[in-house]
C-alpha atoms as a PDB file:
ATOM      1  CA  UNK A   1      77.152 -58.994  37.567  1.00  0.00           C
ATOM      2  CA  UNK A   2      73.798 -59.144  37.300  1.00  0.00           C
ATOM      3  CA  UNK A   3      72.986 -55.779  36.275  1.00  0.00           C
ATOM      4  CA  UNK A   4      73.428 -57.235  32.479  1.00  0.00           C
ATOM      5  CA  UNK A   5      71.091 -60.364  33.565  1.00  0.00           C
ATOM      6  CA  UNK A   6      67.497 -60.496  31.892  1.00  0.00           C
ATOM      7  CA  UNK A   7      64.831 -62.297  32.059  1.00  0.00           C
ATOM      8  CA  UNK A   8      64.643 -64.395  28.748  1.00  0.00           C
ATOM      9  CA  UNK A   9      69.120 -64.925  28.590  1.00  0.00           C
ATOM     10  CA  UNK A  10      69.168 -64.272  24.357  1.00  0.00           C
ATOM     11  CA  UNK A  11      65.991 -62.915  23.805  1.00  0.00           C
ATOM     12  CA  UNK A  12      66.252 -58.802  21.826  1.00  0.00           C
ATOM     13  CA  UNK A  13      62.749 -58.678  21.157  1.00  0.00           C
ATOM     14  CA  UNK A  14      60.311 -58.078  24.036  1.00  0.00           C
ATOM     15  CA  UNK A  15      57.936 -60.759  24.843  1.00  0.00           C
ATOM     16  CA  UNK A  16      54.561 -60.481  23.071  1.00  0.00           C
ATOM     17  CA  UNK A  17      51.856 -58.825  24.450  1.00  0.00           C
ATOM     18  CA  UNK A  18      48.455 -60.384  25.338  1.00  0.00           C
ATOM     19  CA  UNK A  19      45.509 -60.301  22.478  1.00  0.00           C
ATOM     20  CA  UNK A  20      43.092 -58.977  25.022  1.00  0.00           C
ATOM     21  CA  UNK A  21      45.990 -56.245  26.284  1.00  0.00           C
ATOM     22  CA  UNK A  22      46.693 -54.965  22.783  1.00  0.00           C
ATOM     23  CA  UNK A  23      42.827 -54.014  22.336  1.00  0.00           C
ATOM     24  CA  UNK A  24      42.289 -52.232  25.541  1.00  0.00           C
ATOM     25  CA  UNK A  25      45.278 -50.390  24.727  1.00  0.00           C
ATOM     26  CA  UNK A  26      44.376 -49.571  21.174  1.00  0.00           C
ATOM     27  CA  UNK A  27      40.492 -48.880  22.467  1.00  0.00           C
ATOM     28  CA  UNK A  28      42.057 -46.618  24.861  1.00  0.00           C
ATOM     29  CA  UNK A  29      44.278 -44.765  22.454  1.00  0.00           C
ATOM     30  CA  UNK A  30      41.080 -43.761  19.980  1.00  0.00           C
ATOM     31  CA  UNK A  31      38.798 -42.807  23.228  1.00  0.00           C
ATOM     32  CA  UNK A  32      41.644 -40.455  24.106  1.00  0.00           C
ATOM     33  CA  UNK A  33      42.516 -38.835  20.572  1.00  0.00           C
ATOM     34  CA  UNK A  34      38.578 -38.281  20.615  1.00  0.00           C
ATOM     35  CA  UNK A  35      38.625 -36.983  24.333  1.00  0.00           C
ATOM     36  CA  UNK A  36      41.140 -34.612  22.909  1.00  0.00           C
ATOM     37  CA  UNK A  37      39.567 -33.663  19.633  1.00  0.00           C
ATOM     38  CA  UNK A  38      36.190 -33.348  21.072  1.00  0.00           C
ATOM     39  CA  UNK A  39      36.539 -31.759  24.523  1.00  0.00           C
ATOM     40  CA  UNK A  40      40.430 -30.296  25.025  1.00  0.00           C
ATOM     41  CA  UNK A  41      41.178 -28.610  21.668  1.00  0.00           C
ATOM     42  CA  UNK A  42      37.634 -26.506  21.811  1.00  0.00           C
ATOM     43  CA  UNK A  43      38.539 -25.557  25.084  1.00  0.00           C
ATOM     44  CA  UNK A  44      41.627 -23.878  24.277  1.00  0.00           C
ATOM     45  CA  UNK A  45      40.427 -22.417  21.088  1.00  0.00           C
ATOM     46  CA  UNK A  46      37.612 -20.508  23.427  1.00  0.00           C
ATOM     47  CA  UNK A  47      40.935 -19.787  25.765  1.00  0.00           C
ATOM     48  CA  UNK A  48      42.358 -18.226  22.661  1.00  0.00           C
ATOM     49  CA  UNK A  49      39.334 -15.906  21.631  1.00  0.00           C
ATOM     50  CA  UNK A  50      38.557 -14.896  25.292  1.00  0.00           C
ATOM     51  CA  UNK A  51      42.535 -13.612  24.957  1.00  0.00           C
ATOM     52  CA  UNK A  52      42.162 -11.806  22.122  1.00  0.00           C
ATOM     53  CA  UNK A  53      38.693  -9.850  23.086  1.00  0.00           C
ATOM     54  CA  UNK A  54      40.502  -8.876  26.609  1.00  0.00           C
ATOM     55  CA  UNK A  55      43.983  -8.162  24.839  1.00  0.00           C
ATOM     56  CA  UNK A  56      43.278  -6.880  22.305  1.00  0.00           C
ATOM     57  CA  UNK A  57      45.926  -8.491  19.885  1.00  0.00           C
ATOM     58  CA  UNK A  58      46.838 -12.994  19.150  1.00  0.00           C
ATOM     59  CA  UNK A  59      48.733 -14.058  21.254  1.00  0.00           C
END
């Protein structure tokens, strides 16, 4: 009986998010993309190069 009870009865859209939270989330997403592009992807390509050197074939 209480399973289908919603916090705001009749509301189908999620509640609006605070503008500050939206800005922080956007900035966090930008920083995550930048970190992946600058730190993680080069490290992964280095691993591929080392594997190629070690095994002589591209895995």
